[in-house]
Amino acid sequence: MTERTPGRADDGAPERTPDRSPAAPDRTDAAGRPVTADPRDAAGPDTVGVRHGMFGVRGSGDTSGFGGLVRPTVLPRSTPPPYGDDDEVVRALTAALRRRGGASFAEAVEKVVVHCGQLTLHVAREHLPAVALALRDDPDLRFEMSLGASGVHYPDATARELHVVYPLQSITHNRRVMLETWAPDADPHVPTLTRVYPTTDWHERETYDFFGVIFDGHPSLTRIEMPDDWEGHPQRKDYPLGGIAVQYKGATIPPPDQRRAYS
């Protein structure tokens, strides 16, 4: 028995290795077309800011243990196809938007993200109602239920600081999908989905109250938690944690670093 030389075939010729160059298509998209590796995968997620500490308190002693915490704020990049079980959702939505004659899937959806098994469609705000309507009404999709509307504030994400996320549920097909859209601080307007999913009424009011997102076309966009004359939106990252110049039955809430003295 002869010893085999690594890197050589039995006849002595160099072994041929499969082509692993980035240009070699090793995946297919939702339509079955071969695609190449997405160069953005190697770049990792988008970093939109850096978080210092845990609670945002400045100029006082650290009693939480998290004062030295430094973490980047990152947003996931687009997931290249295939999307596994979610390929069918993307394919059906692409076909439904084409039949409706409005914006195409590529025009309406900026990116598709699959994270921890959850499909999220990042939709341009002007196309949000059309995408939601297609998801609700198409027989192959049937996302009949909206489970809410949640706001997110990324103060360092230039031109898209405010995000709104809608989780949708298909009872017919036992699936879930997330719709995410965004708006800049300078123009915090997003079309309402109350005409597609009436249950988002109060959820959008809460997002407006806490984050300042204005839902165009909402039937009654008023505060739902804070008093009507309250200034500002308390769940934004740039909102002060204490020392609010509002009295509750004669008592003023001081800033956190003025409530107690630490040695």
C-alpha atoms as a PDB file:
ATOM      1  CA  MET A   1       0.000   0.000   0.000  1.00  0.00           C
ATOM      2  CA  THR A   2       1.511   3.289  -1.083  1.00  0.00           C
ATOM      3  CA  GLU A   3       1.296   6.454   0.942  1.00  0.00           C
ATOM      4  CA  ARG A   4      -0.840   9.176  -0.680  1.00  0.00           C
ATOM      5  CA  THR A   5       0.709  12.616  -1.007  1.00  0.00           C
ATOM      6  CA  PRO A   6      -1.584  15.389   0.294  1.00  0.00           C
ATOM      7  CA  GLY A   7      -2.818  17.620  -2.518  1.00  0.00           C
ATOM      8  CA  ARG A   8      -2.205  14.908  -5.155  1.00  0.00           C
ATOM      9  CA  ALA A   9      -4.591  12.470  -6.757  1.00  0.00           C
ATOM     10  CA  ASP A  10      -3.723   8.775  -6.904  1.00  0.00           C
ATOM     11  CA  ASP A  11      -2.252   9.224 -10.403  1.00  0.00           C
ATOM     12  CA  GLY A  12       0.064  11.988  -9.164  1.00  0.00           C
ATOM     13  CA  ALA A  13      -1.895  14.838 -10.770  1.00  0.00           C
ATOM     14  CA  PRO A  14      -2.847  17.836  -8.614  1.00  0.00           C
ATOM     15  CA  GLU A  15      -6.258  17.518  -6.989  1.00  0.00           C
ATOM     16  CA  ARG A  16      -8.983  19.808  -8.298  1.00  0.00           C
ATOM     17  CA  THR A  17     -10.755  21.813  -5.637  1.00  0.00           C
ATOM     18  CA  PRO A  18     -14.236  23.275  -6.119  1.00  0.00           C
ATOM     19  CA  ASP A  19     -14.467  26.885  -7.132  1.00  0.00           C
ATOM     20  CA  ARG A  20     -15.106  28.958  -3.981  1.00  0.00           C
ATOM     21  CA  SER A  21     -14.637  32.382  -5.515  1.00  0.00           C
ATOM     22  CA  PRO A  22     -17.282  35.022  -4.673  1.00  0.00           C
ATOM     23  CA  ALA A  23     -18.453  34.970  -8.302  1.00  0.00           C
ATOM     24  CA  ALA A  24     -19.485  31.321  -8.156  1.00  0.00           C
ATOM     25  CA  PRO A  25     -23.266  31.150  -7.735  1.00  0.00           C
ATOM     26  CA  ASP A  26     -24.017  28.702  -4.918  1.00  0.00           C
ATOM     27  CA  ARG A  27     -27.531  29.899  -4.001  1.00  0.00           C
ATOM     28  CA  THR A  28     -30.811  30.607  -5.728  1.00  0.00           C
ATOM     29  CA  ASP A  29     -33.348  33.362  -5.182  1.00  0.00           C
ATOM     30  CA  ALA A  30     -37.084  33.000  -4.596  1.00  0.00           C
ATOM     31  CA  ALA A  31     -37.651  32.504  -8.334  1.00  0.00           C
ATOM     32  CA  GLY A  32     -34.996  29.775  -8.597  1.00  0.00           C
ATOM     33  CA  ARG A  33     -32.410  31.971 -10.313  1.00  0.00           C
ATOM     34  CA  PRO A  34     -28.770  31.482  -9.254  1.00  0.00           C
ATOM     35  CA  VAL A  35     -27.299  34.325  -7.254  1.00  0.00           C
ATOM     36  CA  THR A  36     -23.768  35.167  -6.176  1.00  0.00           C
ATOM     37  CA  ALA A  37     -22.649  35.793  -2.636  1.00  0.00           C
ATOM     38  CA  ASP A  38     -23.801  39.162  -1.356  1.00  0.00           C
ATOM     39  CA  PRO A  39     -20.682  41.317  -0.775  1.00  0.00           C
ATOM     40  CA  ARG A  40     -22.490  43.010   2.090  1.00  0.00           C
ATOM     41  CA  ASP A  41     -22.412  39.775   4.094  1.00  0.00           C
ATOM     42  CA  ALA A  42     -18.695  40.164   4.740  1.00  0.00           C
ATOM     43  CA  ALA A  43     -19.158  43.774   5.830  1.00  0.00           C
ATOM     44  CA  GLY A  44     -21.394  42.743   8.731  1.00  0.00           C
ATOM     45  CA  PRO A  45     -24.306  44.755  10.103  1.00  0.00           C
ATOM     46  CA  ASP A  46     -24.762  48.513   9.789  1.00  0.00           C
ATOM     47  CA  THR A  47     -23.447  50.387  12.817  1.00  0.00           C
ATOM     48  CA  VAL A  48     -25.664  53.411  13.423  1.00  0.00           C
ATOM     49  CA  GLY A  49     -24.307  54.563  16.780  1.00  0.00           C
ATOM     50  CA  VAL A  50     -22.475  53.653  19.976  1.00  0.00           C
ATOM     51  CA  ARG A  51     -24.170  53.289  23.334  1.00  0.00           C
ATOM     52  CA  HIS A  52     -22.323  54.392  26.474  1.00  0.00           C
ATOM     53  CA  GLY A  53     -23.592  53.233  29.841  1.00  0.00           C
ATOM     54  CA  MET A  54     -26.999  51.766  30.484  1.00  0.00           C
ATOM     55  CA  PHE A  55     -29.367  54.497  31.628  1.00  0.00           C
ATOM     56  CA  GLY A  56     -27.923  57.643  30.067  1.00  0.00           C
ATOM     57  CA  VAL A  57     -27.085  59.379  33.356  1.00  0.00           C
ATOM     58  CA  ARG A  58     -24.140  61.785  33.113  1.00  0.00           C
ATOM     59  CA  GLY A  59     -22.085  63.558  35.765  1.00  0.00           C
ATOM     60  CA  SER A  60     -22.966  61.347  38.738  1.00  0.00           C
ATOM     61  CA  GLY A  61     -21.555  58.301  40.465  1.00  0.00           C
ATOM     62  CA  ASP A  62     -22.118  54.950  38.820  1.00  0.00           C
ATOM     63  CA  THR A  63     -24.360  52.898  41.097  1.00  0.00           C
ATOM     64  CA  SER A  64     -25.742  50.567  38.435  1.00  0.00           C
ATOM     65  CA  GLY A  65     -22.537  48.791  37.472  1.00  0.00           C
ATOM     66  CA  PHE A  66     -23.229  49.524  33.814  1.00  0.00           C
ATOM     67  CA  GLY A  67     -21.645  52.979  33.586  1.00  0.00           C
ATOM     68  CA  GLY A  68     -18.645  51.678  31.659  1.00  0.00           C
ATOM     69  CA  LEU A  69     -20.691  49.718  29.136  1.00  0.00           C
ATOM     70  CA  VAL A  70     -19.831  50.566  25.525  1.00  0.00           C
ATOM     71  CA  ARG A  71     -21.869  48.806  22.836  1.00  0.00           C
ATOM     72  CA  PRO A  72     -22.438  49.578  19.157  1.00  0.00           C
ATOM     73  CA  THR A  73     -25.986  50.011  17.898  1.00  0.00           C
ATOM     74  CA  VAL A  74     -26.257  47.820  14.817  1.00  0.00           C
ATOM     75  CA  LEU A  75     -28.930  47.111  12.226  1.00  0.00           C
ATOM     76  CA  PRO A  76     -28.890  43.839  10.249  1.00  0.00           C
ATOM     77  CA  ARG A  77     -28.069  43.953   6.586  1.00  0.00           C
ATOM     78  CA  SER A  78     -30.147  42.305   3.887  1.00  0.00           C
ATOM     79  CA  THR A  79     -30.221  38.517   3.979  1.00  0.00           C
ATOM     80  CA  PRO A  80     -29.379  36.984   0.592  1.00  0.00           C
ATOM     81  CA  PRO A  81     -31.746  34.306  -0.745  1.00  0.00           C
ATOM     82  CA  PRO A  82     -32.771  31.594  -0.385  1.00  0.00           C
ATOM     83  CA  TYR A  83     -34.872  32.292   2.712  1.00  0.00           C
ATOM     84  CA  GLY A  84     -35.889  28.730   3.511  1.00  0.00           C
ATOM     85  CA  ASP A  85     -39.560  28.411   4.445  1.00  0.00           C
ATOM     86  CA  ASP A  86     -40.032  32.150   3.820  1.00  0.00           C
ATOM     87  CA  ASP A  87     -39.228  31.831   0.108  1.00  0.00           C
ATOM     88  CA  GLU A  88     -42.901  31.131  -0.504  1.00  0.00           C
ATOM     89  CA  VAL A  89     -43.945  34.375   1.212  1.00  0.00           C
ATOM     90  CA  VAL A  90     -41.485  36.467  -0.821  1.00  0.00           C
ATOM     91  CA  ARG A  91     -42.496  34.753  -4.059  1.00  0.00           C
ATOM     92  CA  ALA A  92     -46.223  35.198  -3.396  1.00  0.00           C
ATOM     93  CA  LEU A  93     -45.812  38.856  -2.395  1.00  0.00           C
ATOM     94  CA  THR A  94     -43.742  39.559  -5.506  1.00  0.00           C
ATOM     95  CA  ALA A  95     -46.481  38.094  -7.695  1.00  0.00           C
ATOM     96  CA  ALA A  96     -49.286  39.868  -5.796  1.00  0.00           C
ATOM     97  CA  LEU A  97     -47.656  43.291  -6.182  1.00  0.00           C
ATOM     98  CA  ARG A  98     -47.096  42.638  -9.880  1.00  0.00           C
ATOM     99  CA  ARG A  99     -50.763  41.770 -10.393  1.00  0.00           C
ATOM    100  CA  ARG A 100     -51.881  44.924  -8.597  1.00  0.00           C
ATOM    101  CA  GLY A 101     -49.933  47.051 -11.050  1.00  0.00           C
ATOM    102  CA  GLY A 102     -48.378  49.403  -8.515  1.00  0.00           C
ATOM    103  CA  ALA A 103     -44.840  49.369  -7.196  1.00  0.00           C
ATOM    104  CA  SER A 104     -42.878  46.181  -7.751  1.00  0.00           C
ATOM    105  CA  PHE A 105     -41.371  44.158  -4.933  1.00  0.00           C
ATOM    106  CA  ALA A 106     -37.933  45.613  -5.664  1.00  0.00           C
ATOM    107  CA  GLU A 107     -39.324  49.166  -5.498  1.00  0.00           C
ATOM    108  CA  ALA A 108     -41.414  48.675  -2.351  1.00  0.00           C
ATOM    109  CA  VAL A 109     -39.114  46.468  -0.265  1.00  0.00           C
ATOM    110  CA  GLU A 110     -35.663  47.863   0.424  1.00  0.00           C
ATOM    111  CA  LYS A 111     -34.317  44.734   2.065  1.00  0.00           C
ATOM    112  CA  VAL A 112     -35.344  41.343   3.359  1.00  0.00           C
ATOM    113  CA  VAL A 113     -33.932  40.216   6.702  1.00  0.00           C
ATOM    114  CA  VAL A 114     -34.196  36.751   8.227  1.00  0.00           C
ATOM    115  CA  HIS A 115     -32.956  36.815  11.805  1.00  0.00           C
ATOM    116  CA  CYS A 116     -33.497  34.032  14.362  1.00  0.00           C
ATOM    117  CA  GLY A 117     -36.015  32.458  12.002  1.00  0.00           C
ATOM    118  CA  GLN A 118     -38.085  35.663  11.710  1.00  0.00           C
ATOM    119  CA  LEU A 119     -38.771  37.231   8.313  1.00  0.00           C
ATOM    120  CA  THR A 120     -38.764  41.044   8.288  1.00  0.00           C
ATOM    121  CA  LEU A 121     -39.590  43.093   5.191  1.00  0.00           C
ATOM    122  CA  HIS A 122     -38.153  46.613   5.288  1.00  0.00           C
ATOM    123  CA  VAL A 123     -40.680  48.622   3.300  1.00  0.00           C
ATOM    124  CA  ALA A 124     -40.369  52.184   2.007  1.00  0.00           C
ATOM    125  CA  ARG A 125     -42.971  54.222   3.883  1.00  0.00           C
ATOM    126  CA  GLU A 126     -44.826  55.432   0.789  1.00  0.00           C
ATOM    127  CA  HIS A 127     -45.479  51.810  -0.235  1.00  0.00           C
ATOM    128  CA  LEU A 128     -46.414  50.508   3.230  1.00  0.00           C
ATOM    129  CA  PRO A 129     -50.239  50.431   2.748  1.00  0.00           C
ATOM    130  CA  ALA A 130     -49.968  48.701  -0.645  1.00  0.00           C
ATOM    131  CA  VAL A 131     -47.658  45.997   0.724  1.00  0.00           C
ATOM    132  CA  ALA A 132     -49.878  45.472   3.776  1.00  0.00           C
ATOM    133  CA  LEU A 133     -52.978  45.197   1.574  1.00  0.00           C
ATOM    134  CA  ALA A 134     -51.321  42.592  -0.641  1.00  0.00           C
ATOM    135  CA  LEU A 135     -50.224  40.606   2.403  1.00  0.00           C
ATOM    136  CA  ARG A 136     -53.756  40.695   3.790  1.00  0.00           C
ATOM    137  CA  ASP A 137     -55.789  39.899   0.676  1.00  0.00           C
ATOM    138  CA  ASP A 138     -53.717  37.572  -1.506  1.00  0.00           C
ATOM    139  CA  PRO A 139     -54.960  33.951  -1.122  1.00  0.00           C
ATOM    140  CA  ASP A 140     -51.388  32.637  -0.896  1.00  0.00           C
ATOM    141  CA  LEU A 141     -50.539  35.061   1.918  1.00  0.00           C
ATOM    142  CA  ARG A 142     -53.628  35.867   3.998  1.00  0.00           C
ATOM    143  CA  PHE A 143     -51.973  37.803   6.820  1.00  0.00           C
ATOM    144  CA  GLU A 144     -55.328  38.668   8.342  1.00  0.00           C
ATOM    145  CA  MET A 145     -54.178  39.988  11.694  1.00  0.00           C
ATOM    146  CA  SER A 146     -51.911  42.837  12.802  1.00  0.00           C
ATOM    147  CA  LEU A 147     -50.507  42.259  16.284  1.00  0.00           C
ATOM    148  CA  GLY A 148     -49.596  45.894  16.951  1.00  0.00           C
ATOM    149  CA  ALA A 149     -47.265  48.728  16.027  1.00  0.00           C
ATOM    150  CA  SER A 150     -44.007  49.416  17.855  1.00  0.00           C
ATOM    151  CA  GLY A 151     -41.726  52.430  17.588  1.00  0.00           C
ATOM    152  CA  VAL A 152     -37.925  52.480  17.726  1.00  0.00           C
ATOM    153  CA  HIS A 153     -35.649  55.504  17.880  1.00  0.00           C
ATOM    154  CA  TYR A 154     -32.098  55.418  16.480  1.00  0.00           C
ATOM    155  CA  PRO A 155     -30.852  58.987  17.049  1.00  0.00           C
ATOM    156  CA  ASP A 156     -27.608  58.382  15.118  1.00  0.00           C
ATOM    157  CA  ALA A 157     -29.214  56.758  12.058  1.00  0.00           C
ATOM    158  CA  THR A 158     -29.135  59.800   9.794  1.00  0.00           C
ATOM    159  CA  ALA A 159     -32.335  60.398   7.774  1.00  0.00           C
ATOM    160  CA  ARG A 160     -34.063  57.322   9.246  1.00  0.00           C
ATOM    161  CA  GLU A 161     -34.047  57.902  12.961  1.00  0.00           C
ATOM    162  CA  LEU A 162     -37.627  56.729  13.596  1.00  0.00           C
ATOM    163  CA  HIS A 163     -38.704  53.172  12.823  1.00  0.00           C
ATOM    164  CA  VAL A 164     -42.123  51.522  13.082  1.00  0.00           C
ATOM    165  CA  VAL A 165     -42.547  47.740  13.186  1.00  0.00           C
ATOM    166  CA  TYR A 166     -45.809  45.870  12.463  1.00  0.00           C
ATOM    167  CA  PRO A 167     -45.930  42.130  13.298  1.00  0.00           C
ATOM    168  CA  LEU A 168     -48.486  40.355  11.088  1.00  0.00           C
ATOM    169  CA  GLN A 169     -50.054  36.946  11.617  1.00  0.00           C
ATOM    170  CA  SER A 170     -51.570  34.591   9.041  1.00  0.00           C
ATOM    171  CA  ILE A 171     -54.105  32.382  10.772  1.00  0.00           C
ATOM    172  CA  THR A 172     -54.900  30.645   7.476  1.00  0.00           C
ATOM    173  CA  HIS A 173     -51.316  29.567   6.754  1.00  0.00           C
ATOM    174  CA  ASN A 174     -49.900  29.713  10.312  1.00  0.00           C
ATOM    175  CA  ARG A 175     -47.135  32.175   9.421  1.00  0.00           C
ATOM    176  CA  ARG A 176     -45.747  35.430  10.739  1.00  0.00           C
ATOM    177  CA  VAL A 177     -43.982  38.314   9.047  1.00  0.00           C
ATOM    178  CA  MET A 178     -42.726  41.666  10.284  1.00  0.00           C
ATOM    179  CA  LEU A 179     -43.120  44.907   8.326  1.00  0.00           C
ATOM    180  CA  GLU A 180     -40.633  47.621   9.219  1.00  0.00           C
ATOM    181  CA  THR A 181     -40.583  51.169   7.873  1.00  0.00           C
ATOM    182  CA  TRP A 182     -38.812  54.378   8.819  1.00  0.00           C
ATOM    183  CA  ALA A 183     -38.974  58.164   8.733  1.00  0.00           C
ATOM    184  CA  PRO A 184     -36.465  60.934   9.474  1.00  0.00           C
ATOM    185  CA  ASP A 185     -36.730  63.188  12.518  1.00  0.00           C
ATOM    186  CA  ALA A 186     -37.205  66.141  10.181  1.00  0.00           C
ATOM    187  CA  ASP A 187     -40.236  64.521   8.494  1.00  0.00           C
ATOM    188  CA  PRO A 188     -41.734  61.982  10.940  1.00  0.00           C
ATOM    189  CA  HIS A 189     -44.664  60.984   8.725  1.00  0.00           C
ATOM    190  CA  VAL A 190     -45.742  57.393   8.001  1.00  0.00           C
ATOM    191  CA  PRO A 191     -49.013  56.334   6.298  1.00  0.00           C
ATOM    192  CA  THR A 192     -51.476  54.787   8.737  1.00  0.00           C
ATOM    193  CA  LEU A 193     -52.461  51.135   8.415  1.00  0.00           C
ATOM    194  CA  THR A 194     -55.800  51.592  10.177  1.00  0.00           C
ATOM    195  CA  ARG A 195     -57.620  51.274   6.832  1.00  0.00           C
ATOM    196  CA  VAL A 196     -55.989  47.899   6.243  1.00  0.00           C
ATOM    197  CA  TYR A 197     -55.843  46.690   9.865  1.00  0.00           C
ATOM    198  CA  PRO A 198     -58.324  48.647  12.033  1.00  0.00           C
ATOM    199  CA  THR A 199     -56.802  47.128  15.206  1.00  0.00           C
ATOM    200  CA  THR A 200     -53.681  49.261  14.736  1.00  0.00           C
ATOM    201  CA  ASP A 201     -55.691  52.338  15.810  1.00  0.00           C
ATOM    202  CA  TRP A 202     -54.576  52.436  19.441  1.00  0.00           C
ATOM    203  CA  HIS A 203     -51.146  50.974  18.726  1.00  0.00           C
ATOM    204  CA  GLU A 204     -50.336  53.791  16.300  1.00  0.00           C
ATOM    205  CA  ARG A 205     -51.636  56.325  18.823  1.00  0.00           C
ATOM    206  CA  GLU A 206     -49.233  54.920  21.414  1.00  0.00           C
ATOM    207  CA  THR A 207     -46.329  55.066  18.946  1.00  0.00           C
ATOM    208  CA  TYR A 208     -47.225  58.676  18.185  1.00  0.00           C
ATOM    209  CA  ASP A 209     -47.460  59.489  21.893  1.00  0.00           C
ATOM    210  CA  PHE A 210     -44.125  57.946  22.887  1.00  0.00           C
ATOM    211  CA  PHE A 211     -42.020  58.431  19.732  1.00  0.00           C
ATOM    212  CA  GLY A 212     -43.593  61.322  17.807  1.00  0.00           C
ATOM    213  CA  VAL A 213     -44.326  59.373  14.606  1.00  0.00           C
ATOM    214  CA  ILE A 214     -47.194  61.076  12.760  1.00  0.00           C
ATOM    215  CA  PHE A 215     -49.460  58.539  11.055  1.00  0.00           C
ATOM    216  CA  ASP A 216     -51.026  60.278   8.076  1.00  0.00           C
ATOM    217  CA  GLY A 217     -54.704  59.404   7.633  1.00  0.00           C
ATOM    218  CA  HIS A 218     -55.205  58.122  11.185  1.00  0.00           C
ATOM    219  CA  PRO A 219     -58.821  58.778  12.304  1.00  0.00           C
ATOM    220  CA  SER A 220     -57.906  60.122  15.775  1.00  0.00           C
ATOM    221  CA  LEU A 221     -54.192  60.676  16.276  1.00  0.00           C
ATOM    222  CA  THR A 222     -54.122  61.912  19.882  1.00  0.00           C
ATOM    223  CA  ARG A 223     -52.084  60.985  22.920  1.00  0.00           C
ATOM    224  CA  ILE A 224     -53.140  57.795  24.640  1.00  0.00           C
ATOM    225  CA  GLU A 225     -50.857  57.600  27.733  1.00  0.00           C
ATOM    226  CA  MET A 226     -49.499  61.089  28.400  1.00  0.00           C
ATOM    227  CA  PRO A 227     -51.638  64.197  29.031  1.00  0.00           C
ATOM    228  CA  ASP A 228     -52.719  66.091  25.928  1.00  0.00           C
ATOM    229  CA  ASP A 229     -50.530  69.094  26.808  1.00  0.00           C
ATOM    230  CA  TRP A 230     -47.398  67.001  27.436  1.00  0.00           C
ATOM    231  CA  GLU A 231     -44.314  68.245  25.599  1.00  0.00           C
ATOM    232  CA  GLY A 232     -42.034  65.743  23.933  1.00  0.00           C
ATOM    233  CA  HIS A 233     -42.139  61.975  23.458  1.00  0.00           C
ATOM    234  CA  PRO A 234     -40.874  59.996  26.477  1.00  0.00           C
ATOM    235  CA  GLN A 235     -39.481  56.868  24.799  1.00  0.00           C
ATOM    236  CA  ARG A 236     -37.149  58.650  22.431  1.00  0.00           C
ATOM    237  CA  LYS A 237     -33.480  58.147  23.229  1.00  0.00           C
ATOM    238  CA  ASP A 238     -32.871  61.899  23.477  1.00  0.00           C
ATOM    239  CA  TYR A 239     -35.624  62.417  26.063  1.00  0.00           C
ATOM    240  CA  PRO A 240     -34.451  63.330  29.619  1.00  0.00           C
ATOM    241  CA  LEU A 241     -34.828  60.629  32.245  1.00  0.00           C
ATOM    242  CA  GLY A 242     -35.850  62.977  35.037  1.00  0.00           C
ATOM    243  CA  GLY A 243     -36.179  66.593  36.063  1.00  0.00           C
ATOM    244  CA  ILE A 244     -39.235  67.063  33.863  1.00  0.00           C
ATOM    245  CA  ALA A 245     -40.724  70.506  34.337  1.00  0.00           C
ATOM    246  CA  VAL A 246     -44.174  69.076  35.067  1.00  0.00           C
ATOM    247  CA  GLN A 247     -45.767  68.851  38.495  1.00  0.00           C
ATOM    248  CA  TYR A 248     -47.794  65.940  39.759  1.00  0.00           C
ATOM    249  CA  LYS A 249     -50.025  67.238  42.582  1.00  0.00           C
ATOM    250  CA  GLY A 250     -47.402  69.741  43.615  1.00  0.00           C
ATOM    251  CA  ALA A 251     -44.337  67.451  43.441  1.00  0.00           C
ATOM    252  CA  THR A 252     -41.535  67.923  40.910  1.00  0.00           C
ATOM    253  CA  ILE A 253     -39.442  64.953  39.795  1.00  0.00           C
ATOM    254  CA  PRO A 254     -35.712  65.849  40.021  1.00  0.00           C
ATOM    255  CA  PRO A 255     -33.067  64.409  37.672  1.00  0.00           C
ATOM    256  CA  PRO A 256     -31.628  61.039  38.786  1.00  0.00           C
ATOM    257  CA  ASP A 257     -28.253  62.502  39.769  1.00  0.00           C
ATOM    258  CA  GLN A 258     -29.947  64.960  42.126  1.00  0.00           C
ATOM    259  CA  ARG A 259     -32.159  62.534  43.987  1.00  0.00           C
ATOM    260  CA  ARG A 260     -29.464  61.107  46.256  1.00  0.00           C
ATOM    261  CA  ALA A 261     -25.832  61.827  47.098  1.00  0.00           C
ATOM    262  CA  TYR A 262     -23.222  59.109  46.717  1.00  0.00           C
ATOM    263  CA  SER A 263     -19.795  59.128  48.289  1.00  0.00           C
END
